[in-house]
Amino acid sequence: MKTIDYASRSAKEELTRMEQIPPVKGGSRPFAGEDKQVNFVNGQYAWDQPGSAPVPQVALADERQLQIWLTPHGFLKAAMENQAAAKKGTSGTVVSFTSGKFKVTGTIDAQNMVARTETWLPNPVLGDMLVETTFSSYEDYNGVKFPSTIVQKQGGFPTFDLKVTAVKSNPGLSLSVPDAVKTAAIPPVKVVSQKIADGTWFIGGGSHNSVLLEYPTYLVMIEAPLSEARSLAVIEEAKKLAPNKPIKYLINTHAHFDHTGGVRTYIAEGASVITNEINLPSTRKRSVRLARWPRTCCRRTQRNQLSSP
């Protein structure tokens, strides 16, 4: 269930995940019975409430705020507030505006219903990642016209498929931001290196790790996890550990997003990406694309290509 207050720019989302045995295609998070999550956003603040204590989600505040304006009624309200432009499109009237640092477009169909919204979010792997939300099968819920089917894709992958069963207007939502959330900040990237053999360092300090290998004239990094910020800090540490040697190769073990978030950064450094042959069907396509896809917040020109052993 999701409750939105457009005036205060706040939302509360309550999710319940049901255990599925066995997990479909593996990779499911283990939990017993029901897994309940409650997520909040109020202006510039975001947090979760898994129990009695709030968990700040500083990095998610912009996206959660943006999701308010990607709903049909939110889109129309934001369009009016941000001097939107309108033009005729192939499937209706295309309305576009900028909200903060995000460009948002939407299509209003012949029945004057919001049929689709689009925006872009920065993503470590996909660059400017397209977020598409479609709305269909509008119904009347006690005087409120609302889509009964909502589907969202991010980077071309379906991430949300909702069948709406009930809509209530003006339910009221009063959110007080906890003090712990108000004072929270994104922690700085921490890099800690440990020499484990001659010319070999374990580079940790966070949730994901890398290994640096030194050769006579160049360096090899194993794994580039999470993000550009993490990779820049790891690269800086590598230059301190083995000065005046370029990182010639990056070894990527697999194509999960948490292990490929920093690949763009190493490509920009001039490194070639090495991976196992079994990873090539997904990794080759993704690596070539991620080196070319634009990222407006990226400071570098991406280059180089994918290699395999």
C-alpha atoms as a PDB file:
ATOM      1  CA  MET A   1       0.000   0.000   0.000  1.00  0.00           C
ATOM      2  CA  LYS A   2       1.282   3.460  -0.865  1.00  0.00           C
ATOM      3  CA  THR A   3       0.043   6.745   0.570  1.00  0.00           C
ATOM      4  CA  ILE A   4       1.107  10.026  -1.041  1.00  0.00           C
ATOM      5  CA  ASP A   5       0.643  13.596   0.133  1.00  0.00           C
ATOM      6  CA  TYR A   6       1.496  15.804  -2.820  1.00  0.00           C
ATOM      7  CA  ALA A   7       1.348  19.076  -0.879  1.00  0.00           C
ATOM      8  CA  SER A   8       4.029  18.034   1.632  1.00  0.00           C
ATOM      9  CA  ARG A   9       5.984  16.001  -0.944  1.00  0.00           C
ATOM     10  CA  SER A  10       5.862  12.946   1.251  1.00  0.00           C
ATOM     11  CA  ALA A  11       4.986   9.281   0.825  1.00  0.00           C
ATOM     12  CA  LYS A  12       4.698   6.081   2.825  1.00  0.00           C
ATOM     13  CA  GLU A  13       5.058   2.702   1.142  1.00  0.00           C
ATOM     14  CA  GLU A  14       4.222  -0.561   2.900  1.00  0.00           C
ATOM     15  CA  LEU A  15       5.403  -3.774   1.242  1.00  0.00           C
ATOM     16  CA  THR A  16       4.920  -7.413   2.204  1.00  0.00           C
ATOM     17  CA  ARG A  17       7.013 -10.089   0.520  1.00  0.00           C
ATOM     18  CA  MET A  18       5.805 -13.654   0.751  1.00  0.00           C
ATOM     19  CA  GLU A  19       8.242 -16.547   1.060  1.00  0.00           C
ATOM     20  CA  GLN A  20       8.530 -18.664  -2.069  1.00  0.00           C
ATOM     21  CA  ILE A  21       9.994 -22.184  -1.781  1.00  0.00           C
ATOM     22  CA  PRO A  22      12.033 -22.938  -3.731  1.00  0.00           C
ATOM     23  CA  PRO A  23      13.156 -19.475  -4.949  1.00  0.00           C
ATOM     24  CA  VAL A  24      12.542 -18.971  -8.675  1.00  0.00           C
ATOM     25  CA  LYS A  25      15.888 -19.152 -10.536  1.00  0.00           C
ATOM     26  CA  GLY A  26      17.789 -18.712  -7.261  1.00  0.00           C
ATOM     27  CA  GLY A  27      19.194 -15.504  -5.810  1.00  0.00           C
ATOM     28  CA  SER A  28      16.229 -14.765  -3.547  1.00  0.00           C
ATOM     29  CA  ARG A  29      16.863 -13.221  -0.175  1.00  0.00           C
ATOM     30  CA  PRO A  30      16.180 -15.826   2.536  1.00  0.00           C
ATOM     31  CA  PHE A  31      13.400 -15.025   4.981  1.00  0.00           C
ATOM     32  CA  ALA A  32      10.741 -17.000   6.796  1.00  0.00           C
ATOM     33  CA  GLY A  33       7.034 -16.357   6.246  1.00  0.00           C
ATOM     34  CA  GLU A  34       6.317 -12.703   5.523  1.00  0.00           C
ATOM     35  CA  ASP A  35       8.927  -9.975   5.059  1.00  0.00           C
ATOM     36  CA  LYS A  36       7.433  -6.545   5.781  1.00  0.00           C
ATOM     37  CA  GLN A  37       9.050  -3.301   4.734  1.00  0.00           C
ATOM     38  CA  VAL A  38       7.930   0.289   5.353  1.00  0.00           C
ATOM     39  CA  ASN A  39       9.631   3.045   3.349  1.00  0.00           C
ATOM     40  CA  PHE A  40       9.247   6.800   3.779  1.00  0.00           C
ATOM     41  CA  VAL A  41      10.169  10.030   2.050  1.00  0.00           C
ATOM     42  CA  ASN A  42       9.453  13.549   3.254  1.00  0.00           C
ATOM     43  CA  GLY A  43      10.995  16.274   1.130  1.00  0.00           C
ATOM     44  CA  GLN A  44      14.758  15.793   1.161  1.00  0.00           C
ATOM     45  CA  TYR A  45      14.661  13.002   3.747  1.00  0.00           C
ATOM     46  CA  ALA A  46      14.186   9.264   3.198  1.00  0.00           C
ATOM     47  CA  TRP A  47      14.220   6.398   5.645  1.00  0.00           C
ATOM     48  CA  ASP A  48      13.009   2.837   6.280  1.00  0.00           C
ATOM     49  CA  GLN A  49      11.259   1.557   9.374  1.00  0.00           C
ATOM     50  CA  PRO A  50      12.015  -2.181   9.636  1.00  0.00           C
ATOM     51  CA  GLY A  51      11.313  -2.095  13.372  1.00  0.00           C
ATOM     52  CA  SER A  52      11.122   0.516  16.085  1.00  0.00           C
ATOM     53  CA  ALA A  53      14.241   2.384  14.954  1.00  0.00           C
ATOM     54  CA  PRO A  54      14.367   4.326  11.652  1.00  0.00           C
ATOM     55  CA  VAL A  55      17.110   3.507   9.153  1.00  0.00           C
ATOM     56  CA  PRO A  56      18.199   6.603   7.166  1.00  0.00           C
ATOM     57  CA  GLN A  57      18.349   6.174   3.378  1.00  0.00           C
ATOM     58  CA  VAL A  58      20.123   9.363   2.351  1.00  0.00           C
ATOM     59  CA  ALA A  59      21.116   8.098  -1.104  1.00  0.00           C
ATOM     60  CA  LEU A  60      17.517   7.141  -1.957  1.00  0.00           C
ATOM     61  CA  ALA A  61      15.841  10.462  -1.114  1.00  0.00           C
ATOM     62  CA  ASP A  62      16.009  11.927  -4.644  1.00  0.00           C
ATOM     63  CA  GLU A  63      14.646   8.783  -6.286  1.00  0.00           C
ATOM     64  CA  ARG A  64      11.814   8.330  -3.805  1.00  0.00           C
ATOM     65  CA  GLN A  65      10.854  11.977  -4.191  1.00  0.00           C
ATOM     66  CA  LEU A  66      10.939  11.603  -7.966  1.00  0.00           C
ATOM     67  CA  GLN A  67       8.679   8.543  -7.820  1.00  0.00           C
ATOM     68  CA  ILE A  68       5.938  10.789  -6.391  1.00  0.00           C
ATOM     69  CA  TRP A  69       5.946  12.810  -9.609  1.00  0.00           C
ATOM     70  CA  LEU A  70       5.898   9.698 -11.804  1.00  0.00           C
ATOM     71  CA  THR A  71       2.379   8.797 -10.648  1.00  0.00           C
ATOM     72  CA  PRO A  72      -0.495  10.055 -12.863  1.00  0.00           C
ATOM     73  CA  HIS A  73      -1.737  12.751 -10.484  1.00  0.00           C
ATOM     74  CA  GLY A  74       1.766  13.614  -9.340  1.00  0.00           C
ATOM     75  CA  PHE A  75       2.902  14.067 -12.921  1.00  0.00           C
ATOM     76  CA  LEU A  76       0.111  16.541 -13.644  1.00  0.00           C
ATOM     77  CA  LYS A  77       0.786  18.506 -10.452  1.00  0.00           C
ATOM     78  CA  ALA A  78       4.520  18.671 -11.154  1.00  0.00           C
ATOM     79  CA  ALA A  79       3.880  19.698 -14.769  1.00  0.00           C
ATOM     80  CA  MET A  80       1.791  22.663 -13.598  1.00  0.00           C
ATOM     81  CA  GLU A  81       4.404  23.680 -11.029  1.00  0.00           C
ATOM     82  CA  ASN A  82       7.373  23.472 -13.409  1.00  0.00           C
ATOM     83  CA  GLN A  83       6.140  25.328 -16.507  1.00  0.00           C
ATOM     84  CA  ALA A  84       5.809  22.215 -18.631  1.00  0.00           C
ATOM     85  CA  ALA A  85       5.937  22.282 -22.423  1.00  0.00           C
ATOM     86  CA  ALA A  86       3.466  20.307 -24.526  1.00  0.00           C
ATOM     87  CA  LYS A  87       3.530  19.015 -28.099  1.00  0.00           C
ATOM     88  CA  LYS A  88       1.687  16.495 -30.216  1.00  0.00           C
ATOM     89  CA  GLY A  89       3.104  12.976 -30.285  1.00  0.00           C
ATOM     90  CA  THR A  90       2.262   9.772 -32.120  1.00  0.00           C
ATOM     91  CA  SER A  91       0.165   8.405 -29.260  1.00  0.00           C
ATOM     92  CA  GLY A  92      -1.070  11.598 -27.619  1.00  0.00           C
ATOM     93  CA  THR A  93       0.145  14.854 -26.142  1.00  0.00           C
ATOM     94  CA  VAL A  94       3.729  14.745 -24.878  1.00  0.00           C
ATOM     95  CA  VAL A  95       4.307  16.909 -21.805  1.00  0.00           C
ATOM     96  CA  SER A  96       7.820  17.600 -20.523  1.00  0.00           C
ATOM     97  CA  PHE A  97       9.359  19.548 -17.655  1.00  0.00           C
ATOM     98  CA  THR A  98      12.367  19.599 -15.352  1.00  0.00           C
ATOM     99  CA  SER A  99      11.956  18.936 -11.645  1.00  0.00           C
ATOM    100  CA  GLY A 100      15.156  19.758  -9.798  1.00  0.00           C
ATOM    101  CA  LYS A 101      17.906  17.922 -11.687  1.00  0.00           C
ATOM    102  CA  PHE A 102      15.551  15.442 -13.364  1.00  0.00           C
ATOM    103  CA  LYS A 103      13.945  15.736 -16.790  1.00  0.00           C
ATOM    104  CA  VAL A 104      10.474  14.187 -16.881  1.00  0.00           C
ATOM    105  CA  THR A 105       8.228  13.530 -19.880  1.00  0.00           C
ATOM    106  CA  GLY A 106       4.792  12.001 -20.092  1.00  0.00           C
ATOM    107  CA  THR A 107       2.123  11.130 -22.621  1.00  0.00           C
ATOM    108  CA  ILE A 108      -1.531  12.059 -22.212  1.00  0.00           C
ATOM    109  CA  ASP A 109      -3.770   9.919 -24.404  1.00  0.00           C
ATOM    110  CA  ALA A 110      -6.972  10.726 -26.328  1.00  0.00           C
ATOM    111  CA  GLN A 111      -9.052  10.135 -23.182  1.00  0.00           C
ATOM    112  CA  ASN A 112      -6.984  12.779 -21.335  1.00  0.00           C
ATOM    113  CA  MET A 113      -5.407  10.133 -19.117  1.00  0.00           C
ATOM    114  CA  VAL A 114      -1.705   9.918 -18.303  1.00  0.00           C
ATOM    115  CA  ALA A 115      -0.620   6.812 -20.202  1.00  0.00           C
ATOM    116  CA  ARG A 116       3.117   6.940 -19.669  1.00  0.00           C
ATOM    117  CA  THR A 117       5.889   8.801 -17.853  1.00  0.00           C
ATOM    118  CA  GLU A 118       9.642   8.737 -18.462  1.00  0.00           C
ATOM    119  CA  THR A 119      12.679  10.045 -16.651  1.00  0.00           C
ATOM    120  CA  TRP A 120      16.348   9.189 -16.197  1.00  0.00           C
ATOM    121  CA  LEU A 121      18.292   8.214 -13.081  1.00  0.00           C
ATOM    122  CA  PRO A 122      22.089   8.038 -12.731  1.00  0.00           C
ATOM    123  CA  ASN A 123      23.233   4.416 -12.546  1.00  0.00           C
ATOM    124  CA  PRO A 124      26.823   3.162 -12.099  1.00  0.00           C
ATOM    125  CA  VAL A 125      26.409   0.522 -14.826  1.00  0.00           C
ATOM    126  CA  LEU A 126      23.835   1.977 -17.217  1.00  0.00           C
ATOM    127  CA  GLY A 127      24.763   5.654 -17.059  1.00  0.00           C
ATOM    128  CA  ASP A 128      21.648   7.761 -17.586  1.00  0.00           C
ATOM    129  CA  MET A 129      19.180   4.958 -16.892  1.00  0.00           C
ATOM    130  CA  LEU A 130      15.754   5.259 -18.493  1.00  0.00           C
ATOM    131  CA  VAL A 131      12.839   4.786 -16.088  1.00  0.00           C
ATOM    132  CA  GLU A 132       9.577   4.083 -17.935  1.00  0.00           C
ATOM    133  CA  THR A 133       6.217   3.806 -16.183  1.00  0.00           C
ATOM    134  CA  THR A 134       3.038   2.867 -18.060  1.00  0.00           C
ATOM    135  CA  PHE A 135      -0.536   3.218 -16.817  1.00  0.00           C
ATOM    136  CA  SER A 136      -3.454   1.311 -18.317  1.00  0.00           C
ATOM    137  CA  SER A 137      -7.008   0.111 -17.706  1.00  0.00           C
ATOM    138  CA  TYR A 138      -8.211   3.223 -15.884  1.00  0.00           C
ATOM    139  CA  GLU A 139     -11.172   2.615 -13.594  1.00  0.00           C
ATOM    140  CA  ASP A 140     -13.392   4.708 -11.380  1.00  0.00           C
ATOM    141  CA  TYR A 141     -12.566   4.208  -7.685  1.00  0.00           C
ATOM    142  CA  ASN A 142     -15.289   6.059  -5.744  1.00  0.00           C
ATOM    143  CA  GLY A 143     -15.042   9.068  -8.031  1.00  0.00           C
ATOM    144  CA  VAL A 144     -11.278   8.890  -8.612  1.00  0.00           C
ATOM    145  CA  LYS A 145      -9.983   7.873 -12.041  1.00  0.00           C
ATOM    146  CA  PHE A 146      -6.879   5.749 -11.583  1.00  0.00           C
ATOM    147  CA  PRO A 147      -5.066   3.061 -13.597  1.00  0.00           C
ATOM    148  CA  SER A 148      -5.668  -0.506 -12.462  1.00  0.00           C
ATOM    149  CA  THR A 149      -2.353  -1.639 -13.973  1.00  0.00           C
ATOM    150  CA  ILE A 150       0.995   0.088 -13.398  1.00  0.00           C
ATOM    151  CA  VAL A 151       4.248  -1.280 -14.858  1.00  0.00           C
ATOM    152  CA  GLN A 152       7.690   0.264 -14.408  1.00  0.00           C
ATOM    153  CA  LYS A 153      10.909  -0.617 -16.220  1.00  0.00           C
ATOM    154  CA  GLN A 154      14.379   0.609 -15.323  1.00  0.00           C
ATOM    155  CA  GLY A 155      17.099   0.301 -17.940  1.00  0.00           C
ATOM    156  CA  GLY A 156      14.719  -1.852 -19.988  1.00  0.00           C
ATOM    157  CA  PHE A 157      14.197  -4.369 -17.165  1.00  0.00           C
ATOM    158  CA  PRO A 158      10.779  -4.733 -15.470  1.00  0.00           C
ATOM    159  CA  THR A 159      11.077  -3.740 -11.813  1.00  0.00           C
ATOM    160  CA  PHE A 160       7.466  -3.120 -10.821  1.00  0.00           C
ATOM    161  CA  ASP A 161       4.142  -4.628 -11.907  1.00  0.00           C
ATOM    162  CA  LEU A 162       1.157  -3.559  -9.831  1.00  0.00           C
ATOM    163  CA  LYS A 163      -2.490  -4.547 -10.053  1.00  0.00           C
ATOM    164  CA  VAL A 164      -4.447  -1.852  -8.233  1.00  0.00           C
ATOM    165  CA  THR A 165      -7.405  -3.078  -6.183  1.00  0.00           C
ATOM    166  CA  ALA A 166      -8.382   0.037  -4.218  1.00  0.00           C
ATOM    167  CA  VAL A 167      -7.835   3.802  -4.311  1.00  0.00           C
ATOM    168  CA  LYS A 168      -8.862   6.296  -1.627  1.00  0.00           C
ATOM    169  CA  SER A 169      -8.658  10.067  -2.043  1.00  0.00           C
ATOM    170  CA  ASN A 170      -7.416  12.398   0.704  1.00  0.00           C
ATOM    171  CA  PRO A 171      -6.632   9.701   3.310  1.00  0.00           C
ATOM    172  CA  GLY A 172      -4.287  12.032   5.161  1.00  0.00           C
ATOM    173  CA  LEU A 173      -0.571  11.534   5.751  1.00  0.00           C
ATOM    174  CA  SER A 174       1.391  13.309   8.456  1.00  0.00           C
ATOM    175  CA  LEU A 175       5.058  12.327   8.564  1.00  0.00           C
ATOM    176  CA  SER A 176       7.497  13.588  11.161  1.00  0.00           C
ATOM    177  CA  VAL A 177      11.137  13.191  10.160  1.00  0.00           C
ATOM    178  CA  PRO A 178      13.089  11.413  12.941  1.00  0.00           C
ATOM    179  CA  ASP A 179      16.087  13.293  14.326  1.00  0.00           C
ATOM    180  CA  ALA A 180      18.401  10.435  13.346  1.00  0.00           C
ATOM    181  CA  VAL A 181      17.282  10.862   9.735  1.00  0.00           C
ATOM    182  CA  LYS A 182      17.712  14.648   9.757  1.00  0.00           C
ATOM    183  CA  THR A 183      21.347  14.386  10.857  1.00  0.00           C
ATOM    184  CA  ALA A 184      22.296  11.398   8.686  1.00  0.00           C
ATOM    185  CA  ALA A 185      24.800  11.776   5.843  1.00  0.00           C
ATOM    186  CA  ILE A 186      26.227   9.501   3.186  1.00  0.00           C
ATOM    187  CA  PRO A 187      29.377   8.003   4.751  1.00  0.00           C
ATOM    188  CA  PRO A 188      32.647   8.680   2.923  1.00  0.00           C
ATOM    189  CA  VAL A 189      34.193   5.890   0.888  1.00  0.00           C
ATOM    190  CA  LYS A 190      36.614   3.970   3.078  1.00  0.00           C
ATOM    191  CA  VAL A 191      39.529   2.093   1.532  1.00  0.00           C
ATOM    192  CA  VAL A 192      41.811  -0.144   3.593  1.00  0.00           C
ATOM    193  CA  SER A 193      44.606  -2.131   1.953  1.00  0.00           C
ATOM    194  CA  GLN A 194      46.510  -5.139   3.266  1.00  0.00           C
ATOM    195  CA  LYS A 195      49.566  -6.703   1.685  1.00  0.00           C
ATOM    196  CA  ILE A 196      49.003 -10.455   1.451  1.00  0.00           C
ATOM    197  CA  ALA A 197      52.020 -11.404  -0.700  1.00  0.00           C
ATOM    198  CA  ASP A 198      54.761  -9.750  -2.724  1.00  0.00           C
ATOM    199  CA  GLY A 199      53.038  -7.545  -5.288  1.00  0.00           C
ATOM    200  CA  THR A 200      49.562  -8.503  -4.029  1.00  0.00           C
ATOM    201  CA  TRP A 201      47.202  -6.393  -1.932  1.00  0.00           C
ATOM    202  CA  PHE A 202      43.711  -7.022  -0.588  1.00  0.00           C
ATOM    203  CA  ILE A 203      41.745  -3.769  -0.839  1.00  0.00           C
ATOM    204  CA  GLY A 204      38.716  -3.605   1.449  1.00  0.00           C
ATOM    205  CA  GLY A 205      37.163  -1.145   3.838  1.00  0.00           C
ATOM    206  CA  GLY A 206      33.596  -1.487   2.571  1.00  0.00           C
ATOM    207  CA  SER A 207      30.999  -4.114   1.810  1.00  0.00           C
ATOM    208  CA  HIS A 208      32.790  -5.231  -1.387  1.00  0.00           C
ATOM    209  CA  ASN A 209      36.481  -5.826  -2.002  1.00  0.00           C
ATOM    210  CA  SER A 210      39.153  -5.806  -4.711  1.00  0.00           C
ATOM    211  CA  VAL A 211      42.607  -7.332  -5.153  1.00  0.00           C
ATOM    212  CA  LEU A 212      45.562  -5.495  -6.703  1.00  0.00           C
ATOM    213  CA  LEU A 213      48.316  -7.384  -8.537  1.00  0.00           C
ATOM    214  CA  GLU A 214      51.618  -5.741  -9.443  1.00  0.00           C
ATOM    215  CA  TYR A 215      53.603  -6.739 -12.528  1.00  0.00           C
ATOM    216  CA  PRO A 216      56.944  -5.289 -13.706  1.00  0.00           C
ATOM    217  CA  THR A 217      55.413  -2.577 -15.889  1.00  0.00           C
ATOM    218  CA  TYR A 218      51.697  -2.509 -15.067  1.00  0.00           C
ATOM    219  CA  LEU A 219      48.950  -3.337 -12.553  1.00  0.00           C
ATOM    220  CA  VAL A 220      45.943  -5.644 -12.629  1.00  0.00           C
ATOM    221  CA  MET A 221      42.828  -5.047 -10.513  1.00  0.00           C
ATOM    222  CA  ILE A 222      40.449  -7.875  -9.660  1.00  0.00           C
ATOM    223  CA  GLU A 223      36.851  -6.609  -9.256  1.00  0.00           C
ATOM    224  CA  ALA A 224      35.437  -3.087  -9.581  1.00  0.00           C
ATOM    225  CA  PRO A 225      32.408  -3.137  -7.305  1.00  0.00           C
ATOM    226  CA  LEU A 226      29.571  -0.737  -6.548  1.00  0.00           C
ATOM    227  CA  SER A 227      30.274   2.681  -8.076  1.00  0.00           C
ATOM    228  CA  GLU A 228      32.538   5.256  -9.645  1.00  0.00           C
ATOM    229  CA  ALA A 229      33.197   6.808  -6.225  1.00  0.00           C
ATOM    230  CA  ARG A 230      34.371   3.472  -4.820  1.00  0.00           C
ATOM    231  CA  SER A 231      36.550   2.760  -7.844  1.00  0.00           C
ATOM    232  CA  LEU A 232      38.167   6.204  -7.845  1.00  0.00           C
ATOM    233  CA  ALA A 233      39.158   5.710  -4.207  1.00  0.00           C
ATOM    234  CA  VAL A 234      40.518   2.213  -4.908  1.00  0.00           C
ATOM    235  CA  ILE A 235      42.474   3.480  -7.930  1.00  0.00           C
ATOM    236  CA  GLU A 236      43.985   6.239  -5.803  1.00  0.00           C
ATOM    237  CA  GLU A 237      45.070   3.650  -3.237  1.00  0.00           C
ATOM    238  CA  ALA A 238      46.568   1.491  -5.998  1.00  0.00           C
ATOM    239  CA  LYS A 239      48.680   4.401  -7.206  1.00  0.00           C
ATOM    240  CA  LYS A 240      50.033   4.842  -3.693  1.00  0.00           C
ATOM    241  CA  LEU A 241      50.824   1.144  -3.302  1.00  0.00           C
ATOM    242  CA  ALA A 242      52.531   0.799  -6.689  1.00  0.00           C
ATOM    243  CA  PRO A 243      53.427   4.261  -8.050  1.00  0.00           C
ATOM    244  CA  ASN A 244      53.975   5.108 -11.700  1.00  0.00           C
ATOM    245  CA  LYS A 245      52.356   1.974 -13.086  1.00  0.00           C
ATOM    246  CA  PRO A 246      49.118   2.015 -15.104  1.00  0.00           C
ATOM    247  CA  ILE A 247      46.220  -0.301 -14.359  1.00  0.00           C
ATOM    248  CA  LYS A 248      46.336  -2.227 -17.617  1.00  0.00           C
ATOM    249  CA  TYR A 249      43.682  -4.854 -16.918  1.00  0.00           C
ATOM    250  CA  LEU A 250      40.532  -5.165 -14.826  1.00  0.00           C
ATOM    251  CA  ILE A 251      39.409  -8.735 -14.075  1.00  0.00           C
ATOM    252  CA  ASN A 252      35.634  -8.978 -13.635  1.00  0.00           C
ATOM    253  CA  THR A 253      34.433 -12.288 -12.149  1.00  0.00           C
ATOM    254  CA  HIS A 254      30.748 -11.933 -13.086  1.00  0.00           C
ATOM    255  CA  ALA A 255      28.169  -9.499 -14.420  1.00  0.00           C
ATOM    256  CA  HIS A 256      26.066  -8.707 -11.350  1.00  0.00           C
ATOM    257  CA  PHE A 257      25.494  -4.971 -11.002  1.00  0.00           C
ATOM    258  CA  ASP A 258      27.239  -4.760  -7.608  1.00  0.00           C
ATOM    259  CA  HIS A 259      30.388  -6.177  -9.236  1.00  0.00           C
ATOM    260  CA  THR A 260      30.250  -4.043 -12.405  1.00  0.00           C
ATOM    261  CA  GLY A 261      29.370  -0.640 -10.924  1.00  0.00           C
ATOM    262  CA  GLY A 262      32.947   0.599 -11.264  1.00  0.00           C
ATOM    263  CA  VAL A 263      33.804  -0.886 -14.656  1.00  0.00           C
ATOM    264  CA  ARG A 264      33.176   2.422 -16.454  1.00  0.00           C
ATOM    265  CA  THR A 265      35.780   4.082 -14.246  1.00  0.00           C
ATOM    266  CA  TYR A 266      38.505   1.569 -15.093  1.00  0.00           C
ATOM    267  CA  ILE A 267      37.680   1.782 -18.797  1.00  0.00           C
ATOM    268  CA  ALA A 268      38.177   5.535 -18.504  1.00  0.00           C
ATOM    269  CA  GLU A 269      41.565   4.870 -16.900  1.00  0.00           C
ATOM    270  CA  GLY A 270      42.586   2.942 -20.018  1.00  0.00           C
ATOM    271  CA  ALA A 271      42.147  -0.562 -18.624  1.00  0.00           C
ATOM    272  CA  SER A 272      40.894  -3.487 -20.684  1.00  0.00           C
ATOM    273  CA  VAL A 273      38.280  -5.709 -19.058  1.00  0.00           C
ATOM    274  CA  ILE A 274      39.047  -9.421 -18.694  1.00  0.00           C
ATOM    275  CA  THR A 275      36.390 -11.952 -17.781  1.00  0.00           C
ATOM    276  CA  ASN A 276      35.795 -15.688 -17.957  1.00  0.00           C
ATOM    277  CA  GLU A 277      34.445 -17.067 -21.222  1.00  0.00           C
ATOM    278  CA  ILE A 278      31.247 -18.198 -19.510  1.00  0.00           C
ATOM    279  CA  ASN A 279      30.449 -14.542 -18.741  1.00  0.00           C
ATOM    280  CA  LEU A 280      30.873 -13.285 -22.301  1.00  0.00           C
ATOM    281  CA  PRO A 281      27.246 -13.528 -23.541  1.00  0.00           C
ATOM    282  CA  SER A 282      26.108 -10.983 -20.959  1.00  0.00           C
ATOM    283  CA  THR A 283      29.349  -9.196 -20.122  1.00  0.00           C
ATOM    284  CA  ARG A 284      30.507  -8.375 -23.661  1.00  0.00           C
ATOM    285  CA  LYS A 285      27.219  -6.743 -24.597  1.00  0.00           C
ATOM    286  CA  ARG A 286      26.936  -4.913 -21.284  1.00  0.00           C
ATOM    287  CA  SER A 287      30.553  -3.734 -21.159  1.00  0.00           C
ATOM    288  CA  VAL A 288      30.511  -2.316 -24.669  1.00  0.00           C
ATOM    289  CA  ARG A 289      27.247  -0.539 -23.963  1.00  0.00           C
ATOM    290  CA  LEU A 290      28.232   0.817 -20.562  1.00  0.00           C
ATOM    291  CA  ALA A 291      31.374   2.290 -22.113  1.00  0.00           C
ATOM    292  CA  ARG A 292      29.241   4.168 -24.647  1.00  0.00           C
ATOM    293  CA  TRP A 293      26.073   5.069 -22.785  1.00  0.00           C
ATOM    294  CA  PRO A 294      26.170   8.680 -21.586  1.00  0.00           C
ATOM    295  CA  ARG A 295      26.147   9.648 -17.958  1.00  0.00           C
ATOM    296  CA  THR A 296      25.640  13.362 -17.459  1.00  0.00           C
ATOM    297  CA  CYS A 297      27.341  13.333 -14.067  1.00  0.00           C
ATOM    298  CA  CYS A 298      30.341  11.389 -15.395  1.00  0.00           C
ATOM    299  CA  ARG A 299      33.547  13.440 -15.594  1.00  0.00           C
ATOM    300  CA  ARG A 300      35.391  11.309 -18.109  1.00  0.00           C
ATOM    301  CA  THR A 301      35.325  10.062 -21.677  1.00  0.00           C
ATOM    302  CA  GLN A 302      34.908   6.313 -21.668  1.00  0.00           C
ATOM    303  CA  ARG A 303      37.151   4.214 -23.909  1.00  0.00           C
ATOM    304  CA  ASN A 304      38.706   0.784 -24.499  1.00  0.00           C
ATOM    305  CA  GLN A 305      37.092  -2.556 -24.993  1.00  0.00           C
ATOM    306  CA  LEU A 306      36.351  -5.943 -23.499  1.00  0.00           C
ATOM    307  CA  SER A 307      38.884  -8.765 -23.592  1.00  0.00           C
ATOM    308  CA  SER A 308      38.692 -12.419 -22.601  1.00  0.00           C
ATOM    309  CA  PRO A 309      41.484 -14.746 -21.500  1.00  0.00           C
END
